[in-house]
Amino acid sequence: MRSIGYKSLFLGAVAVGLMVAGFPMDVAAGPSPNSAVIKERVFNDCLTSVLTTTDNYPALIAIDDDELDCVGFANRHNWRFSEDDTNPAVFNNGDSFRFCATLTISGTAEGEAGLQISPWWSQDVDGVFNVRTTDGEIACFGGRLPFYSFSGSHGLTYVKGTTIYLEMTYRANDNTAENPGTIEYQVTYNAVNYSSGEIAFDEGNPDEDPPYGVWGILNDARAGGHIQCFLQAGNPNAQLRAEWADICYEDLSPVPVQATTWGKLKNLLD
């Protein structure tokens, strides 16, 4: 009968321990944005408006829409995190990340702006952490995002021309019913901090898994910010501007394990 040495027993115990501890043996990292891309005129109800954009990511992104003197609803523009300064970064269901910005909305017109995690079926519009100037509402909704209202829960309202800090933290967890993905929305306004706490995602449509997954943001999502400018027919001076300053991004996904890790462990015992 073949004898089993102490080294083999030790390696076996380590392997079992790693598996029991949920050691990430094969985990893919999320995106690593190093730039942003701006998409103009997602809604373009005022073709003659004068649009000016500034991309100094991560220090400042600004979108300014002037001469909104048109009949219709709104102009809408967005920006997205990018890994190549050309294409929007792709966020998947199993990625975990947080991002933030200090937002200021100003101008003579009214509108809304904020942050976004947009789902695969509406990558330019839905899924908003929204700040609206008409009534000051601050709320999160649409796409795959669980609803939360800072106005309803905290009585918080935004005043145009002031600065507000917004942050979103998505944790994929196991993307299961037992351990679904969660999101936390955070606001700092007038030097006071507010949080939604971690809110769990619902299942989504199981018929879309595969390829999109369930219990989270779903695969092929996009993240960044948006501005929607309400038109003011008869007002040639109607103008709205949004600035996102001090943009932050952090990948919270588990660190991938290198293929040589197990071999290195064995070599330590040789």
C-alpha atoms as a PDB file:
ATOM      1  CA  MET A   1       0.000   0.000   0.000  1.00  0.00           C
ATOM      2  CA  ARG A   2       1.315   3.451  -0.957  1.00  0.00           C
ATOM      3  CA  SER A   3       2.220   5.622   2.001  1.00  0.00           C
ATOM      4  CA  ILE A   4       1.017   9.221   2.281  1.00  0.00           C
ATOM      5  CA  GLY A   5       3.596  11.756   3.441  1.00  0.00           C
ATOM      6  CA  TYR A   6       3.039  14.770   5.615  1.00  0.00           C
ATOM      7  CA  LYS A   7       3.511  17.087   2.639  1.00  0.00           C
ATOM      8  CA  SER A   8       0.677  15.454   0.687  1.00  0.00           C
ATOM      9  CA  LEU A   9      -1.601  15.579   3.706  1.00  0.00           C
ATOM     10  CA  PHE A  10      -0.799  19.262   4.199  1.00  0.00           C
ATOM     11  CA  LEU A  11      -1.451  20.160   0.562  1.00  0.00           C
ATOM     12  CA  GLY A  12      -4.717  18.284   0.619  1.00  0.00           C
ATOM     13  CA  ALA A  13      -5.806  20.069   3.770  1.00  0.00           C
ATOM     14  CA  VAL A  14      -4.931  23.442   2.245  1.00  0.00           C
ATOM     15  CA  ALA A  15      -6.917  22.639  -0.909  1.00  0.00           C
ATOM     16  CA  VAL A  16      -9.982  21.671   1.117  1.00  0.00           C
ATOM     17  CA  GLY A  17      -9.598  24.766   3.242  1.00  0.00           C
ATOM     18  CA  LEU A  18      -9.434  27.026   0.213  1.00  0.00           C
ATOM     19  CA  MET A  19     -12.557  25.488  -1.273  1.00  0.00           C
ATOM     20  CA  VAL A  20     -14.504  25.679   1.991  1.00  0.00           C
ATOM     21  CA  ALA A  21     -13.452  29.307   2.399  1.00  0.00           C
ATOM     22  CA  GLY A  22     -14.713  30.135  -1.066  1.00  0.00           C
ATOM     23  CA  PHE A  23     -11.222  30.861  -2.383  1.00  0.00           C
ATOM     24  CA  PRO A  24     -11.680  32.518  -5.810  1.00  0.00           C
ATOM     25  CA  MET A  25      -9.999  29.916  -7.976  1.00  0.00           C
ATOM     26  CA  ASP A  26     -11.303  31.328 -11.266  1.00  0.00           C
ATOM     27  CA  VAL A  27     -12.627  34.869 -10.948  1.00  0.00           C
ATOM     28  CA  ALA A  28     -12.627  37.494 -13.691  1.00  0.00           C
ATOM     29  CA  ALA A  29     -11.910  41.093 -12.733  1.00  0.00           C
ATOM     30  CA  GLY A  30     -14.325  43.844 -13.703  1.00  0.00           C
ATOM     31  CA  PRO A  31     -13.597  46.776 -16.018  1.00  0.00           C
ATOM     32  CA  SER A  32     -10.736  49.164 -15.291  1.00  0.00           C
ATOM     33  CA  PRO A  33     -11.886  52.532 -16.672  1.00  0.00           C
ATOM     34  CA  ASN A  34      -9.173  55.039 -17.519  1.00  0.00           C
ATOM     35  CA  SER A  35     -11.287  57.515 -19.491  1.00  0.00           C
ATOM     36  CA  ALA A  36     -14.825  58.457 -20.463  1.00  0.00           C
ATOM     37  CA  VAL A  37     -16.830  58.841 -23.670  1.00  0.00           C
ATOM     38  CA  ILE A  38     -19.618  61.374 -24.180  1.00  0.00           C
ATOM     39  CA  LYS A  39     -22.680  60.513 -26.266  1.00  0.00           C
ATOM     40  CA  GLU A  40     -24.519  63.572 -27.523  1.00  0.00           C
ATOM     41  CA  ARG A  41     -28.207  63.930 -28.362  1.00  0.00           C
ATOM     42  CA  VAL A  42     -29.609  60.604 -27.205  1.00  0.00           C
ATOM     43  CA  PHE A  43     -32.862  62.583 -27.271  1.00  0.00           C
ATOM     44  CA  ASN A  44     -32.664  65.411 -29.787  1.00  0.00           C
ATOM     45  CA  ASP A  45     -35.968  67.295 -29.701  1.00  0.00           C
ATOM     46  CA  CYS A  46     -34.150  70.604 -30.215  1.00  0.00           C
ATOM     47  CA  LEU A  47     -31.809  70.112 -33.169  1.00  0.00           C
ATOM     48  CA  THR A  48     -30.774  73.773 -33.217  1.00  0.00           C
ATOM     49  CA  SER A  49     -29.506  73.969 -29.638  1.00  0.00           C
ATOM     50  CA  VAL A  50     -25.842  74.828 -29.073  1.00  0.00           C
ATOM     51  CA  LEU A  51     -24.111  71.937 -27.321  1.00  0.00           C
ATOM     52  CA  THR A  52     -20.713  72.213 -25.639  1.00  0.00           C
ATOM     53  CA  THR A  53     -18.951  69.337 -23.890  1.00  0.00           C
ATOM     54  CA  THR A  54     -15.815  69.091 -21.769  1.00  0.00           C
ATOM     55  CA  ASP A  55     -14.038  65.807 -21.033  1.00  0.00           C
ATOM     56  CA  ASN A  56     -11.227  66.146 -18.518  1.00  0.00           C
ATOM     57  CA  TYR A  57     -11.898  62.776 -16.882  1.00  0.00           C
ATOM     58  CA  PRO A  58     -11.653  62.162 -13.978  1.00  0.00           C
ATOM     59  CA  ALA A  59     -11.326  65.772 -12.821  1.00  0.00           C
ATOM     60  CA  LEU A  60     -14.336  67.113 -14.719  1.00  0.00           C
ATOM     61  CA  ILE A  61     -16.941  66.200 -17.308  1.00  0.00           C
ATOM     62  CA  ALA A  62     -19.298  69.009 -18.324  1.00  0.00           C
ATOM     63  CA  ILE A  63     -22.236  69.076 -20.739  1.00  0.00           C
ATOM     64  CA  ASP A  64     -23.801  72.448 -21.587  1.00  0.00           C
ATOM     65  CA  ASP A  65     -26.874  72.757 -23.821  1.00  0.00           C
ATOM     66  CA  ASP A  66     -27.810  76.329 -24.828  1.00  0.00           C
ATOM     67  CA  GLU A  67     -30.589  77.943 -26.899  1.00  0.00           C
ATOM     68  CA  LEU A  68     -33.186  75.334 -25.907  1.00  0.00           C
ATOM     69  CA  ASP A  69     -35.883  77.473 -27.505  1.00  0.00           C
ATOM     70  CA  CYS A  70     -37.826  74.649 -29.172  1.00  0.00           C
ATOM     71  CA  VAL A  71     -41.223  72.966 -29.084  1.00  0.00           C
ATOM     72  CA  GLY A  72     -40.968  69.445 -27.715  1.00  0.00           C
ATOM     73  CA  PHE A  73     -39.833  67.532 -24.645  1.00  0.00           C
ATOM     74  CA  ALA A  74     -36.082  67.378 -24.064  1.00  0.00           C
ATOM     75  CA  ASN A  75     -32.522  66.926 -25.226  1.00  0.00           C
ATOM     76  CA  ARG A  76     -30.611  64.142 -23.483  1.00  0.00           C
ATOM     77  CA  HIS A  77     -26.892  63.434 -23.404  1.00  0.00           C
ATOM     78  CA  ASN A  78     -24.737  61.018 -21.416  1.00  0.00           C
ATOM     79  CA  TRP A  79     -21.203  59.969 -20.614  1.00  0.00           C
ATOM     80  CA  ARG A  80     -19.904  56.468 -19.988  1.00  0.00           C
ATOM     81  CA  PHE A  81     -16.818  54.999 -18.350  1.00  0.00           C
ATOM     82  CA  SER A  82     -14.339  53.698 -20.930  1.00  0.00           C
ATOM     83  CA  GLU A  83     -11.191  51.596 -20.996  1.00  0.00           C
ATOM     84  CA  ASP A  84      -9.929  52.938 -24.328  1.00  0.00           C
ATOM     85  CA  ASP A  85     -11.248  56.528 -24.609  1.00  0.00           C
ATOM     86  CA  THR A  86     -13.459  55.373 -27.491  1.00  0.00           C
ATOM     87  CA  ASN A  87     -15.932  52.669 -26.447  1.00  0.00           C
ATOM     88  CA  PRO A  88     -18.120  52.443 -23.326  1.00  0.00           C
ATOM     89  CA  ALA A  89     -16.846  49.905 -20.803  1.00  0.00           C
ATOM     90  CA  VAL A  90     -18.948  46.755 -20.423  1.00  0.00           C
ATOM     91  CA  PHE A  91     -20.174  45.885 -16.929  1.00  0.00           C
ATOM     92  CA  ASN A  92     -21.387  42.371 -16.234  1.00  0.00           C
ATOM     93  CA  ASN A  93     -23.638  40.827 -13.625  1.00  0.00           C
ATOM     94  CA  GLY A  94     -20.766  39.395 -11.588  1.00  0.00           C
ATOM     95  CA  ASP A  95     -18.711  42.607 -11.456  1.00  0.00           C
ATOM     96  CA  SER A  96     -18.603  44.536  -8.186  1.00  0.00           C
ATOM     97  CA  PHE A  97     -17.726  48.231  -8.211  1.00  0.00           C
ATOM     98  CA  ARG A  98     -18.383  51.670  -6.809  1.00  0.00           C
ATOM     99  CA  PHE A  99     -18.257  55.069  -8.453  1.00  0.00           C
ATOM    100  CA  CYS A 100     -18.996  58.642  -7.491  1.00  0.00           C
ATOM    101  CA  ALA A 101     -19.014  62.253  -8.626  1.00  0.00           C
ATOM    102  CA  THR A 102     -19.768  65.704  -7.307  1.00  0.00           C
ATOM    103  CA  LEU A 103     -22.642  67.021  -9.426  1.00  0.00           C
ATOM    104  CA  THR A 104     -23.694  70.608 -10.096  1.00  0.00           C
ATOM    105  CA  ILE A 105     -26.684  71.509 -12.279  1.00  0.00           C
ATOM    106  CA  SER A 106     -26.975  75.149 -13.332  1.00  0.00           C
ATOM    107  CA  GLY A 107     -28.593  77.368 -15.946  1.00  0.00           C
ATOM    108  CA  THR A 108     -31.804  79.205 -16.790  1.00  0.00           C
ATOM    109  CA  ALA A 109     -33.663  76.110 -18.010  1.00  0.00           C
ATOM    110  CA  GLU A 110     -34.872  73.114 -16.014  1.00  0.00           C
ATOM    111  CA  GLY A 111     -33.883  69.481 -16.261  1.00  0.00           C
ATOM    112  CA  GLU A 112     -32.314  66.538 -14.494  1.00  0.00           C
ATOM    113  CA  ALA A 113     -28.921  64.863 -14.263  1.00  0.00           C
ATOM    114  CA  GLY A 114     -27.044  62.292 -12.225  1.00  0.00           C
ATOM    115  CA  LEU A 115     -25.365  58.894 -12.353  1.00  0.00           C
ATOM    116  CA  GLN A 116     -26.403  55.737 -14.164  1.00  0.00           C
ATOM    117  CA  ILE A 117     -26.107  51.966 -14.288  1.00  0.00           C
ATOM    118  CA  SER A 118     -28.001  51.202 -17.472  1.00  0.00           C
ATOM    119  CA  PRO A 119     -29.189  47.704 -18.465  1.00  0.00           C
ATOM    120  CA  TRP A 120     -28.397  45.860 -21.677  1.00  0.00           C
ATOM    121  CA  TRP A 121     -31.754  46.715 -23.277  1.00  0.00           C
ATOM    122  CA  SER A 122     -31.491  50.479 -22.584  1.00  0.00           C
ATOM    123  CA  GLN A 123     -27.797  51.332 -22.345  1.00  0.00           C
ATOM    124  CA  ASP A 124     -28.290  55.073 -22.982  1.00  0.00           C
ATOM    125  CA  VAL A 125     -31.407  55.957 -20.974  1.00  0.00           C
ATOM    126  CA  ASP A 126     -32.686  53.770 -18.126  1.00  0.00           C
ATOM    127  CA  GLY A 127     -31.259  53.112 -14.676  1.00  0.00           C
ATOM    128  CA  VAL A 128     -30.732  56.516 -13.049  1.00  0.00           C
ATOM    129  CA  PHE A 129     -29.592  58.076  -9.781  1.00  0.00           C
ATOM    130  CA  ASN A 130     -31.523  61.195 -10.683  1.00  0.00           C
ATOM    131  CA  VAL A 131     -31.447  64.801  -9.474  1.00  0.00           C
ATOM    132  CA  ARG A 132     -34.283  66.968 -10.857  1.00  0.00           C
ATOM    133  CA  THR A 133     -34.363  70.765 -10.759  1.00  0.00           C
ATOM    134  CA  THR A 134     -38.105  71.336 -11.216  1.00  0.00           C
ATOM    135  CA  ASP A 135     -39.078  70.010  -7.781  1.00  0.00           C
ATOM    136  CA  GLY A 136     -35.704  69.042  -6.312  1.00  0.00           C
ATOM    137  CA  GLU A 137     -36.467  65.310  -6.269  1.00  0.00           C
ATOM    138  CA  ILE A 138     -33.501  62.994  -5.668  1.00  0.00           C
ATOM    139  CA  ALA A 139     -34.372  59.394  -6.506  1.00  0.00           C
ATOM    140  CA  CYS A 140     -33.011  56.148  -7.981  1.00  0.00           C
ATOM    141  CA  PHE A 141     -35.098  54.102 -10.392  1.00  0.00           C
ATOM    142  CA  GLY A 142     -35.461  52.459 -13.805  1.00  0.00           C
ATOM    143  CA  GLY A 143     -33.729  49.669 -15.646  1.00  0.00           C
ATOM    144  CA  ARG A 144     -32.531  47.090 -13.119  1.00  0.00           C
ATOM    145  CA  LEU A 145     -32.021  49.552 -10.253  1.00  0.00           C
ATOM    146  CA  PRO A 146     -34.060  49.015  -7.071  1.00  0.00           C
ATOM    147  CA  PHE A 147     -36.163  52.107  -6.327  1.00  0.00           C
ATOM    148  CA  TYR A 148     -35.110  54.490  -3.579  1.00  0.00           C
ATOM    149  CA  SER A 149     -36.070  58.113  -2.960  1.00  0.00           C
ATOM    150  CA  PHE A 150     -33.919  60.409  -0.843  1.00  0.00           C
ATOM    151  CA  SER A 151     -36.706  62.972  -1.087  1.00  0.00           C
ATOM    152  CA  GLY A 152     -39.289  60.507   0.194  1.00  0.00           C
ATOM    153  CA  SER A 153     -37.093  58.834   2.830  1.00  0.00           C
ATOM    154  CA  HIS A 154     -35.154  61.860   4.090  1.00  0.00           C
ATOM    155  CA  GLY A 155     -37.129  64.894   2.904  1.00  0.00           C
ATOM    156  CA  LEU A 156     -34.111  65.882   0.800  1.00  0.00           C
ATOM    157  CA  THR A 157     -34.563  68.263  -2.150  1.00  0.00           C
ATOM    158  CA  TYR A 158     -31.991  69.730  -4.525  1.00  0.00           C
ATOM    159  CA  VAL A 159     -31.625  73.426  -5.330  1.00  0.00           C
ATOM    160  CA  LYS A 160     -30.283  74.278  -8.778  1.00  0.00           C
ATOM    161  CA  GLY A 161     -26.820  75.829  -8.747  1.00  0.00           C
ATOM    162  CA  THR A 162     -25.671  73.909  -5.684  1.00  0.00           C
ATOM    163  CA  THR A 163     -23.294  70.943  -5.474  1.00  0.00           C
ATOM    164  CA  ILE A 164     -24.317  67.424  -4.451  1.00  0.00           C
ATOM    165  CA  TYR A 165     -22.171  64.300  -4.008  1.00  0.00           C
ATOM    166  CA  LEU A 166     -23.549  61.032  -5.434  1.00  0.00           C
ATOM    167  CA  GLU A 167     -22.162  57.514  -5.015  1.00  0.00           C
ATOM    168  CA  MET A 168     -23.303  54.061  -6.145  1.00  0.00           C
ATOM    169  CA  THR A 169     -21.876  50.770  -4.825  1.00  0.00           C
ATOM    170  CA  TYR A 170     -22.833  47.517  -6.550  1.00  0.00           C
ATOM    171  CA  ARG A 171     -21.894  44.181  -4.977  1.00  0.00           C
ATOM    172  CA  ALA A 172     -22.625  41.142  -7.100  1.00  0.00           C
ATOM    173  CA  ASN A 173     -22.328  38.656  -4.219  1.00  0.00           C
ATOM    174  CA  ASP A 174     -23.473  35.284  -5.640  1.00  0.00           C
ATOM    175  CA  ASN A 175     -26.236  36.631  -7.916  1.00  0.00           C
ATOM    176  CA  THR A 176     -28.586  34.052  -6.405  1.00  0.00           C
ATOM    177  CA  ALA A 177     -31.901  34.182  -4.555  1.00  0.00           C
ATOM    178  CA  GLU A 178     -30.043  33.280  -1.359  1.00  0.00           C
ATOM    179  CA  ASN A 179     -27.323  35.901  -1.879  1.00  0.00           C
ATOM    180  CA  PRO A 180     -28.459  38.408  -4.530  1.00  0.00           C
ATOM    181  CA  GLY A 181     -26.562  41.396  -5.810  1.00  0.00           C
ATOM    182  CA  THR A 182     -27.046  44.574  -3.787  1.00  0.00           C
ATOM    183  CA  ILE A 183     -26.707  48.281  -4.382  1.00  0.00           C
ATOM    184  CA  GLU A 184     -26.156  51.169  -2.023  1.00  0.00           C
ATOM    185  CA  TYR A 185     -26.916  54.779  -2.969  1.00  0.00           C
ATOM    186  CA  GLN A 186     -25.193  57.562  -1.058  1.00  0.00           C
ATOM    187  CA  VAL A 187     -25.653  61.334  -1.023  1.00  0.00           C
ATOM    188  CA  THR A 188     -23.789  64.145   0.668  1.00  0.00           C
ATOM    189  CA  TYR A 189     -25.658  67.441   0.538  1.00  0.00           C
ATOM    190  CA  ASN A 190     -25.174  70.576   2.616  1.00  0.00           C
ATOM    191  CA  ALA A 191     -22.445  68.694   4.537  1.00  0.00           C
ATOM    192  CA  VAL A 192     -24.845  65.917   5.638  1.00  0.00           C
ATOM    193  CA  ASN A 193     -24.388  62.266   4.610  1.00  0.00           C
ATOM    194  CA  TYR A 194     -27.311  60.054   3.597  1.00  0.00           C
ATOM    195  CA  SER A 195     -27.425  56.371   2.615  1.00  0.00           C
ATOM    196  CA  SER A 196     -30.040  53.988   1.304  1.00  0.00           C
ATOM    197  CA  GLY A 197     -28.297  51.040   2.939  1.00  0.00           C
ATOM    198  CA  GLU A 198     -27.714  47.926   0.831  1.00  0.00           C
ATOM    199  CA  ILE A 199     -30.791  47.078  -1.242  1.00  0.00           C
ATOM    200  CA  ALA A 200     -31.150  43.648  -2.845  1.00  0.00           C
ATOM    201  CA  PHE A 201     -31.921  43.152  -6.524  1.00  0.00           C
ATOM    202  CA  ASP A 202     -34.900  41.058  -7.554  1.00  0.00           C
ATOM    203  CA  GLU A 203     -34.562  38.074  -9.866  1.00  0.00           C
ATOM    204  CA  GLY A 204     -35.226  39.727 -13.187  1.00  0.00           C
ATOM    205  CA  ASN A 205     -36.428  37.624 -16.101  1.00  0.00           C
ATOM    206  CA  PRO A 206     -35.191  34.014 -15.756  1.00  0.00           C
ATOM    207  CA  ASP A 207     -35.890  33.477 -19.474  1.00  0.00           C
ATOM    208  CA  GLU A 208     -32.968  35.848 -20.156  1.00  0.00           C
ATOM    209  CA  ASP A 209     -30.515  33.649 -18.251  1.00  0.00           C
ATOM    210  CA  PRO A 210     -28.456  32.813 -20.232  1.00  0.00           C
ATOM    211  CA  PRO A 211     -27.034  35.062 -21.529  1.00  0.00           C
ATOM    212  CA  TYR A 212     -27.747  37.982 -19.173  1.00  0.00           C
ATOM    213  CA  GLY A 213     -28.022  36.419 -15.716  1.00  0.00           C
ATOM    214  CA  VAL A 214     -30.343  37.212 -12.816  1.00  0.00           C
ATOM    215  CA  TRP A 215     -30.322  38.780  -9.327  1.00  0.00           C
ATOM    216  CA  GLY A 216     -28.152  41.779 -10.297  1.00  0.00           C
ATOM    217  CA  ILE A 217     -27.457  44.438 -12.916  1.00  0.00           C
ATOM    218  CA  LEU A 218     -27.278  41.736 -15.640  1.00  0.00           C
ATOM    219  CA  ASN A 219     -24.571  41.333 -18.270  1.00  0.00           C
ATOM    220  CA  ASP A 220     -23.718  43.991 -20.876  1.00  0.00           C
ATOM    221  CA  ALA A 221     -24.615  46.988 -18.691  1.00  0.00           C
ATOM    222  CA  ARG A 222     -23.110  50.485 -18.912  1.00  0.00           C
ATOM    223  CA  ALA A 223     -22.212  53.007 -16.191  1.00  0.00           C
ATOM    224  CA  GLY A 224     -21.663  56.755 -16.118  1.00  0.00           C
ATOM    225  CA  GLY A 225     -23.814  59.888 -16.006  1.00  0.00           C
ATOM    226  CA  HIS A 226     -26.626  61.711 -17.809  1.00  0.00           C
ATOM    227  CA  ILE A 227     -28.277  65.087 -18.328  1.00  0.00           C
ATOM    228  CA  GLN A 228     -31.756  65.702 -19.681  1.00  0.00           C
ATOM    229  CA  CYS A 229     -32.568  69.295 -20.635  1.00  0.00           C
ATOM    230  CA  PHE A 230     -36.227  70.330 -20.747  1.00  0.00           C
ATOM    231  CA  LEU A 231     -37.068  72.580 -23.688  1.00  0.00           C
ATOM    232  CA  GLN A 232     -38.521  76.070 -23.257  1.00  0.00           C
ATOM    233  CA  ALA A 233     -40.240  77.299 -26.400  1.00  0.00           C
ATOM    234  CA  GLY A 234     -40.225  81.080 -26.577  1.00  0.00           C
ATOM    235  CA  ASN A 235     -37.173  81.474 -24.321  1.00  0.00           C
ATOM    236  CA  PRO A 236     -34.068  82.026 -26.491  1.00  0.00           C
ATOM    237  CA  ASN A 237     -31.918  82.174 -23.346  1.00  0.00           C
ATOM    238  CA  ALA A 238     -32.889  78.717 -22.080  1.00  0.00           C
ATOM    239  CA  GLN A 239     -29.697  76.870 -21.125  1.00  0.00           C
ATOM    240  CA  LEU A 240     -28.764  73.987 -18.824  1.00  0.00           C
ATOM    241  CA  ARG A 241     -25.374  72.698 -17.704  1.00  0.00           C
ATOM    242  CA  ALA A 242     -24.277  69.696 -15.656  1.00  0.00           C
ATOM    243  CA  GLU A 243     -20.799  69.224 -14.213  1.00  0.00           C
ATOM    244  CA  TRP A 244     -19.465  65.983 -12.746  1.00  0.00           C
ATOM    245  CA  ALA A 245     -16.303  66.779 -10.783  1.00  0.00           C
ATOM    246  CA  ASP A 246     -13.842  64.530  -8.938  1.00  0.00           C
ATOM    247  CA  ILE A 247     -15.153  61.366 -10.576  1.00  0.00           C
ATOM    248  CA  CYS A 248     -14.089  58.208  -8.772  1.00  0.00           C
ATOM    249  CA  TYR A 249     -14.186  54.534  -9.697  1.00  0.00           C
ATOM    250  CA  GLU A 250     -13.164  51.449  -7.710  1.00  0.00           C
ATOM    251  CA  ASP A 251     -13.264  47.822  -8.813  1.00  0.00           C
ATOM    252  CA  LEU A 252     -14.584  45.749  -5.900  1.00  0.00           C
ATOM    253  CA  SER A 253     -14.417  42.409  -7.700  1.00  0.00           C
ATOM    254  CA  PRO A 254     -12.294  39.661  -6.107  1.00  0.00           C
ATOM    255  CA  VAL A 255      -8.688  39.676  -7.269  1.00  0.00           C
ATOM    256  CA  PRO A 256      -8.150  36.916  -9.877  1.00  0.00           C
ATOM    257  CA  VAL A 257      -5.891  34.069  -8.813  1.00  0.00           C
ATOM    258  CA  GLN A 258      -2.869  33.549 -11.046  1.00  0.00           C
ATOM    259  CA  ALA A 259      -2.492  30.149 -12.664  1.00  0.00           C
ATOM    260  CA  THR A 260       0.869  29.667 -10.932  1.00  0.00           C
ATOM    261  CA  THR A 261      -0.481  30.214  -7.437  1.00  0.00           C
ATOM    262  CA  TRP A 262      -1.024  26.499  -6.644  1.00  0.00           C
ATOM    263  CA  GLY A 263       2.323  25.583  -8.144  1.00  0.00           C
ATOM    264  CA  LYS A 264       4.069  28.201  -6.042  1.00  0.00           C
ATOM    265  CA  LEU A 265       2.462  26.776  -2.943  1.00  0.00           C
ATOM    266  CA  LYS A 266       3.747  23.315  -3.806  1.00  0.00           C
ATOM    267  CA  ASN A 267       7.231  24.654  -4.484  1.00  0.00           C
ATOM    268  CA  LEU A 268       7.348  26.177  -1.022  1.00  0.00           C
ATOM    269  CA  LEU A 269       7.103  22.676   0.415  1.00  0.00           C
ATOM    270  CA  ASP A 270       9.546  20.941  -1.953  1.00  0.00           C
END
